Amino acid sequence: MATKQKTSTGIDRTRKGPAPAPAPAVELFGHVILVEGYAVPNFTGVHALVALRDTPGKTVAVLTTQQRLQTLLEAALTSANLIAFFGRLLVSPPTPRGGSWAVDVYGIDGVILYSAP
């Protein structure tokens, strides 16, 4: 049976069967290297690419519709300061401009911006 669900990112999707269990929440650290904002049908928010501190050479994407988190990500990009983010790895992340992701994508619900010493 197909059910229509509104995801935490604000995108409506039709799913067949029960929704998968959410991934456990994680905290990761890194530096924001890109922020891209969207205002397209069914999605208003940003994604940011984060170069992970504890896994050199690995970059992940974080996705949010929350303005306060967007502001912190933008500040981290301009300051080059370290961040921590809290979120869940998304099983089937939305792609606001279509295509597919080449990195792991996390839906986030928290960002900490650290000041440089």
N, C-alpha and C. Protein backbone atom coordinates (compact mmCIF):
# COMPACT_ATOMS: atom_id res chain seq x y z
N MET A 1 0.83 -1.17 0.00
CA MET A 1 0.00 0.00 0.00
C MET A 1 0.88 1.24 0.00
N ALA A 2 0.59 2.20 -0.84
CA ALA A 2 1.37 3.43 -0.93
C ALA A 2 0.81 4.45 0.06
N THR A 3 1.71 5.13 0.76
CA THR A 3 1.30 6.18 1.67
C THR A 3 2.07 7.44 1.34
N LYS A 4 1.40 8.56 1.45
CA LYS A 4 2.05 9.84 1.20
C LYS A 4 2.57 10.37 2.53
N GLN A 5 3.87 10.70 2.56
CA GLN A 5 4.48 11.19 3.78
C GLN A 5 5.18 12.49 3.51
N LYS A 6 5.17 13.37 4.50
CA LYS A 6 5.95 14.61 4.42
C LYS A 6 7.20 14.38 5.25
N THR A 7 8.35 14.45 4.61
CA THR A 7 9.61 14.19 5.30
C THR A 7 10.01 15.40 6.13
N SER A 8 11.03 15.22 6.97
CA SER A 8 11.51 16.31 7.81
C SER A 8 12.12 17.42 6.97
N THR A 9 12.42 17.16 5.71
CA THR A 9 12.97 18.19 4.84
C THR A 9 11.89 18.94 4.10
N GLY A 10 10.63 18.56 4.28
CA GLY A 10 9.54 19.27 3.66
C GLY A 10 9.15 18.77 2.28
N ILE A 11 9.69 17.67 1.84
CA ILE A 11 9.38 17.14 0.52
C ILE A 11 8.34 16.04 0.66
N ASP A 12 7.28 16.13 -0.13
CA ASP A 12 6.26 15.08 -0.13
C ASP A 12 6.72 13.95 -1.03
N ARG A 13 6.60 12.72 -0.54
CA ARG A 13 6.96 11.55 -1.33
C ARG A 13 5.92 10.47 -1.12
N THR A 14 5.79 9.60 -2.09
CA THR A 14 4.92 8.45 -1.95
C THR A 14 5.79 7.24 -1.70
N ARG A 15 5.51 6.50 -0.62
CA ARG A 15 6.29 5.32 -0.26
C ARG A 15 5.39 4.10 -0.34
N LYS A 16 6.00 3.00 -0.68
CA LYS A 16 5.30 1.72 -0.65
C LYS A 16 5.72 1.00 0.60
N GLY A 17 4.76 0.59 1.40
CA GLY A 17 5.07 -0.13 2.62
C GLY A 17 5.47 0.80 3.74
N PRO A 18 5.91 0.20 4.86
CA PRO A 18 6.27 1.02 6.02
C PRO A 18 7.57 1.78 5.77
N ALA A 19 7.69 2.92 6.43
CA ALA A 19 8.90 3.73 6.33
C ALA A 19 10.05 3.00 7.04
N PRO A 20 11.28 3.11 6.51
CA PRO A 20 12.40 2.46 7.19
C PRO A 20 12.67 3.13 8.53
N ALA A 21 13.22 2.36 9.45
CA ALA A 21 13.56 2.91 10.76
C ALA A 21 14.65 3.97 10.60
N PRO A 22 14.55 5.08 11.34
CA PRO A 22 15.57 6.12 11.20
C PRO A 22 16.92 5.62 11.73
N ALA A 23 17.98 6.13 11.12
CA ALA A 23 19.33 5.81 11.57
C ALA A 23 19.55 6.45 12.93
N PRO A 24 20.47 5.90 13.73
CA PRO A 24 20.73 6.53 15.03
C PRO A 24 21.36 7.91 14.84
N ALA A 25 21.11 8.80 15.78
CA ALA A 25 21.70 10.14 15.74
C ALA A 25 23.19 10.04 16.00
N VAL A 26 23.95 10.89 15.31
CA VAL A 26 25.40 10.92 15.48
C VAL A 26 25.85 12.37 15.66
N GLU A 27 27.06 12.54 16.20
CA GLU A 27 27.71 13.84 16.26
C GLU A 27 29.03 13.71 15.52
N LEU A 28 29.24 14.58 14.54
CA LEU A 28 30.47 14.57 13.75
C LEU A 28 31.06 15.97 13.74
N PHE A 29 32.37 16.05 13.51
CA PHE A 29 33.09 17.31 13.53
C PHE A 29 33.75 17.55 12.18
N GLY A 30 33.85 18.80 11.77
CA GLY A 30 34.54 19.11 10.52
C GLY A 30 34.48 20.58 10.17
N HIS A 31 34.90 20.87 8.95
CA HIS A 31 34.92 22.23 8.43
C HIS A 31 33.99 22.33 7.23
N VAL A 32 33.16 23.36 7.22
CA VAL A 32 32.23 23.59 6.12
C VAL A 32 33.02 24.12 4.93
N ILE A 33 32.87 23.46 3.78
CA ILE A 33 33.61 23.87 2.60
C ILE A 33 32.70 24.39 1.49
N LEU A 34 31.38 24.26 1.65
CA LEU A 34 30.43 24.76 0.66
C LEU A 34 29.06 24.85 1.30
N VAL A 35 28.31 25.89 0.97
CA VAL A 35 26.90 26.01 1.37
C VAL A 35 26.12 26.38 0.13
N GLU A 36 25.04 25.65 -0.14
CA GLU A 36 24.17 25.96 -1.28
C GLU A 36 22.74 26.04 -0.78
N GLY A 37 22.07 27.14 -1.08
CA GLY A 37 20.69 27.33 -0.66
C GLY A 37 19.73 27.05 -1.79
N TYR A 38 18.51 26.66 -1.43
CA TYR A 38 17.47 26.34 -2.40
C TYR A 38 16.18 27.05 -2.06
N ALA A 39 15.48 27.45 -3.08
CA ALA A 39 14.10 27.90 -2.96
C ALA A 39 13.41 27.38 -4.22
N VAL A 40 13.18 26.09 -4.23
CA VAL A 40 12.56 25.42 -5.37
C VAL A 40 11.25 24.81 -4.91
N PRO A 41 10.35 24.43 -5.83
CA PRO A 41 9.08 23.84 -5.40
C PRO A 41 9.29 22.68 -4.43
N ASN A 42 8.55 22.67 -3.36
CA ASN A 42 8.56 21.62 -2.33
C ASN A 42 9.79 21.59 -1.45
N PHE A 43 10.71 22.57 -1.58
CA PHE A 43 11.89 22.56 -0.71
C PHE A 43 12.46 23.96 -0.59
N THR A 44 12.64 24.41 0.65
CA THR A 44 13.37 25.64 0.92
C THR A 44 14.34 25.31 2.04
N GLY A 45 15.62 25.41 1.76
CA GLY A 45 16.62 25.08 2.75
C GLY A 45 18.01 25.12 2.14
N VAL A 46 18.95 24.47 2.81
CA VAL A 46 20.33 24.44 2.32
C VAL A 46 20.92 23.06 2.50
N HIS A 47 21.99 22.82 1.73
CA HIS A 47 22.89 21.73 2.07
C HIS A 47 24.27 22.33 2.18
N ALA A 48 25.09 21.73 3.00
CA ALA A 48 26.47 22.15 3.15
C ALA A 48 27.34 20.91 3.04
N LEU A 49 28.51 21.07 2.44
CA LEU A 49 29.50 20.00 2.43
C LEU A 49 30.44 20.24 3.60
N VAL A 50 30.72 19.17 4.34
CA VAL A 50 31.57 19.25 5.52
C VAL A 50 32.72 18.25 5.37
N ALA A 51 33.94 18.77 5.42
CA ALA A 51 35.14 17.92 5.41
C ALA A 51 35.35 17.45 6.84
N LEU A 52 35.22 16.14 7.07
CA LEU A 52 35.27 15.60 8.43
C LEU A 52 36.68 15.69 9.02
N ARG A 53 36.73 16.11 10.26
CA ARG A 53 38.01 16.23 10.98
C ARG A 53 38.58 14.86 11.33
N ASP A 54 37.73 13.97 11.80
CA ASP A 54 38.21 12.69 12.33
C ASP A 54 38.34 11.61 11.27
N THR A 55 37.95 11.88 10.05
CA THR A 55 38.11 10.96 8.92
C THR A 55 38.69 11.76 7.76
N PRO A 56 40.00 12.03 7.79
CA PRO A 56 40.61 12.87 6.75
C PRO A 56 40.30 12.34 5.35
N GLY A 57 39.98 13.27 4.46
CA GLY A 57 39.67 12.91 3.08
C GLY A 57 38.21 12.57 2.84
N LYS A 58 37.39 12.51 3.90
CA LYS A 58 35.97 12.19 3.74
C LYS A 58 35.14 13.46 3.89
N THR A 59 34.24 13.65 2.93
CA THR A 59 33.30 14.77 2.95
C THR A 59 31.89 14.22 2.99
N VAL A 60 31.03 14.87 3.78
CA VAL A 60 29.62 14.49 3.86
C VAL A 60 28.79 15.74 3.58
N ALA A 61 27.52 15.53 3.28
CA ALA A 61 26.58 16.64 3.11
C ALA A 61 25.64 16.67 4.31
N VAL A 62 25.29 17.87 4.74
CA VAL A 62 24.27 18.05 5.76
C VAL A 62 23.14 18.84 5.13
N LEU A 63 21.92 18.49 5.47
CA LEU A 63 20.73 19.06 4.85
C LEU A 63 19.81 19.59 5.94
N THR A 64 19.34 20.84 5.78
CA THR A 64 18.43 21.41 6.77
C THR A 64 17.51 22.44 6.14
N THR A 65 16.33 22.57 6.72
CA THR A 65 15.40 23.63 6.35
C THR A 65 15.34 24.69 7.45
N GLN A 66 16.06 24.48 8.55
CA GLN A 66 16.02 25.38 9.70
C GLN A 66 16.92 26.59 9.49
N GLN A 67 16.34 27.79 9.53
CA GLN A 67 17.08 29.02 9.28
C GLN A 67 18.24 29.20 10.27
N ARG A 68 18.03 28.91 11.54
CA ARG A 68 19.10 29.12 12.53
C ARG A 68 20.30 28.22 12.25
N LEU A 69 20.06 27.00 11.74
CA LEU A 69 21.17 26.11 11.40
C LEU A 69 21.85 26.57 10.12
N GLN A 70 21.07 27.09 9.18
CA GLN A 70 21.65 27.64 7.95
C GLN A 70 22.61 28.77 8.28
N THR A 71 22.21 29.64 9.19
CA THR A 71 23.04 30.78 9.57
C THR A 71 24.35 30.31 10.18
N LEU A 72 24.31 29.30 11.03
CA LEU A 72 25.54 28.77 11.63
C LEU A 72 26.45 28.14 10.58
N LEU A 73 25.86 27.43 9.62
CA LEU A 73 26.67 26.83 8.55
C LEU A 73 27.33 27.90 7.69
N GLU A 74 26.59 28.96 7.39
CA GLU A 74 27.16 30.06 6.61
C GLU A 74 28.28 30.75 7.37
N ALA A 75 28.10 30.95 8.69
CA ALA A 75 29.15 31.56 9.51
C ALA A 75 30.39 30.68 9.55
N ALA A 76 30.18 29.36 9.62
CA ALA A 76 31.32 28.44 9.63
C ALA A 76 32.08 28.48 8.32
N LEU A 77 31.36 28.64 7.22
CA LEU A 77 32.01 28.73 5.91
C LEU A 77 32.88 29.98 5.82
N THR A 78 32.35 31.12 6.27
CA THR A 78 33.10 32.37 6.15
C THR A 78 34.25 32.47 7.16
N SER A 79 34.12 31.82 8.31
CA SER A 79 35.16 31.92 9.34
C SER A 79 36.18 30.79 9.29
N ALA A 80 35.85 29.69 8.60
CA ALA A 80 36.70 28.48 8.54
C ALA A 80 36.85 27.82 9.91
N ASN A 81 35.94 28.13 10.83
CA ASN A 81 35.99 27.52 12.15
C ASN A 81 35.40 26.11 12.13
N LEU A 82 35.81 25.31 13.10
CA LEU A 82 35.33 23.94 13.25
C LEU A 82 33.87 23.94 13.69
N ILE A 83 33.10 22.97 13.19
CA ILE A 83 31.73 22.77 13.66
C ILE A 83 31.57 21.34 14.17
N ALA A 84 30.56 21.16 14.97
CA ALA A 84 30.03 19.84 15.28
C ALA A 84 28.60 19.87 14.76
N PHE A 85 28.14 18.77 14.18
CA PHE A 85 26.73 18.72 13.80
C PHE A 85 26.13 17.44 14.34
N PHE A 86 24.84 17.53 14.64
CA PHE A 86 24.07 16.41 15.14
C PHE A 86 23.03 16.05 14.08
N GLY A 87 22.94 14.78 13.74
CA GLY A 87 21.96 14.40 12.75
C GLY A 87 21.91 12.91 12.52
N ARG A 88 21.10 12.55 11.55
CA ARG A 88 20.90 11.15 11.19
C ARG A 88 21.25 10.96 9.72
N LEU A 89 21.93 9.87 9.43
CA LEU A 89 22.23 9.51 8.06
C LEU A 89 20.91 9.22 7.35
N LEU A 90 20.67 9.88 6.23
CA LEU A 90 19.42 9.70 5.51
C LEU A 90 19.53 8.52 4.55
N VAL A 91 18.54 7.63 4.59
CA VAL A 91 18.54 6.44 3.75
C VAL A 91 18.26 6.82 2.29
N SER A 92 17.30 7.70 2.09
CA SER A 92 16.91 8.12 0.75
C SER A 92 16.79 9.63 0.73
N PRO A 93 17.94 10.34 0.75
CA PRO A 93 17.88 11.81 0.89
C PRO A 93 17.29 12.49 -0.34
N PRO A 94 16.54 13.56 -0.10
CA PRO A 94 16.01 14.32 -1.22
C PRO A 94 17.15 15.01 -1.98
N THR A 95 16.95 15.19 -3.25
CA THR A 95 17.91 15.94 -4.07
C THR A 95 17.17 17.13 -4.63
N PRO A 96 17.26 18.28 -3.95
CA PRO A 96 16.44 19.42 -4.33
C PRO A 96 16.60 19.88 -5.77
N ARG A 97 17.70 19.60 -6.41
CA ARG A 97 17.87 19.98 -7.81
C ARG A 97 17.96 18.75 -8.71
N GLY A 98 17.51 17.61 -8.21
CA GLY A 98 17.55 16.38 -8.99
C GLY A 98 18.92 15.73 -8.91
N GLY A 99 19.11 14.68 -9.68
CA GLY A 99 20.39 13.98 -9.68
C GLY A 99 20.51 13.04 -8.49
N SER A 100 21.74 12.78 -8.10
CA SER A 100 21.98 11.91 -6.95
C SER A 100 23.18 12.42 -6.17
N TRP A 101 23.29 11.99 -4.94
CA TRP A 101 24.38 12.41 -4.07
C TRP A 101 25.58 11.49 -4.26
N ALA A 102 26.78 12.05 -4.24
CA ALA A 102 28.01 11.27 -4.32
C ALA A 102 28.65 11.10 -2.94
N VAL A 103 27.99 11.65 -1.90
CA VAL A 103 28.49 11.58 -0.52
C VAL A 103 27.35 11.16 0.39
N ASP A 104 27.68 10.74 1.61
CA ASP A 104 26.64 10.47 2.62
C ASP A 104 25.94 11.78 2.96
N VAL A 105 24.63 11.72 3.21
CA VAL A 105 23.85 12.91 3.51
C VAL A 105 23.18 12.72 4.87
N TYR A 106 23.32 13.74 5.70
CA TYR A 106 22.74 13.73 7.04
C TYR A 106 21.67 14.81 7.14
N GLY A 107 20.51 14.44 7.69
CA GLY A 107 19.50 15.42 8.07
C GLY A 107 19.89 15.90 9.46
N ILE A 108 20.13 17.20 9.61
CA ILE A 108 20.67 17.68 10.89
C ILE A 108 19.63 18.42 11.71
N ASP A 109 19.84 18.37 13.03
CA ASP A 109 18.98 19.12 13.95
C ASP A 109 19.79 19.91 14.96
N GLY A 110 21.09 20.05 14.72
CA GLY A 110 21.92 20.85 15.61
C GLY A 110 23.28 21.11 15.01
N VAL A 111 23.79 22.33 15.27
CA VAL A 111 25.13 22.72 14.83
C VAL A 111 25.77 23.50 15.97
N ILE A 112 27.03 23.19 16.25
CA ILE A 112 27.84 23.98 17.19
C ILE A 112 28.98 24.56 16.38
N LEU A 113 29.18 25.86 16.49
CA LEU A 113 30.26 26.55 15.79
C LEU A 113 31.31 26.93 16.83
N TYR A 114 32.52 26.42 16.64
CA TYR A 114 33.63 26.69 17.57
C TYR A 114 34.45 27.87 17.09
N SER A 115 34.87 28.73 18.00
CA SER A 115 35.71 29.85 17.60
C SER A 115 37.16 29.40 17.50
N ALA A 116 37.88 30.02 16.58
CA ALA A 116 39.30 29.70 16.41
C ALA A 116 40.08 30.26 17.59
N PRO A 117 41.09 29.53 18.08
CA PRO A 117 41.88 30.05 19.23
C PRO A 117 42.74 31.22 18.82
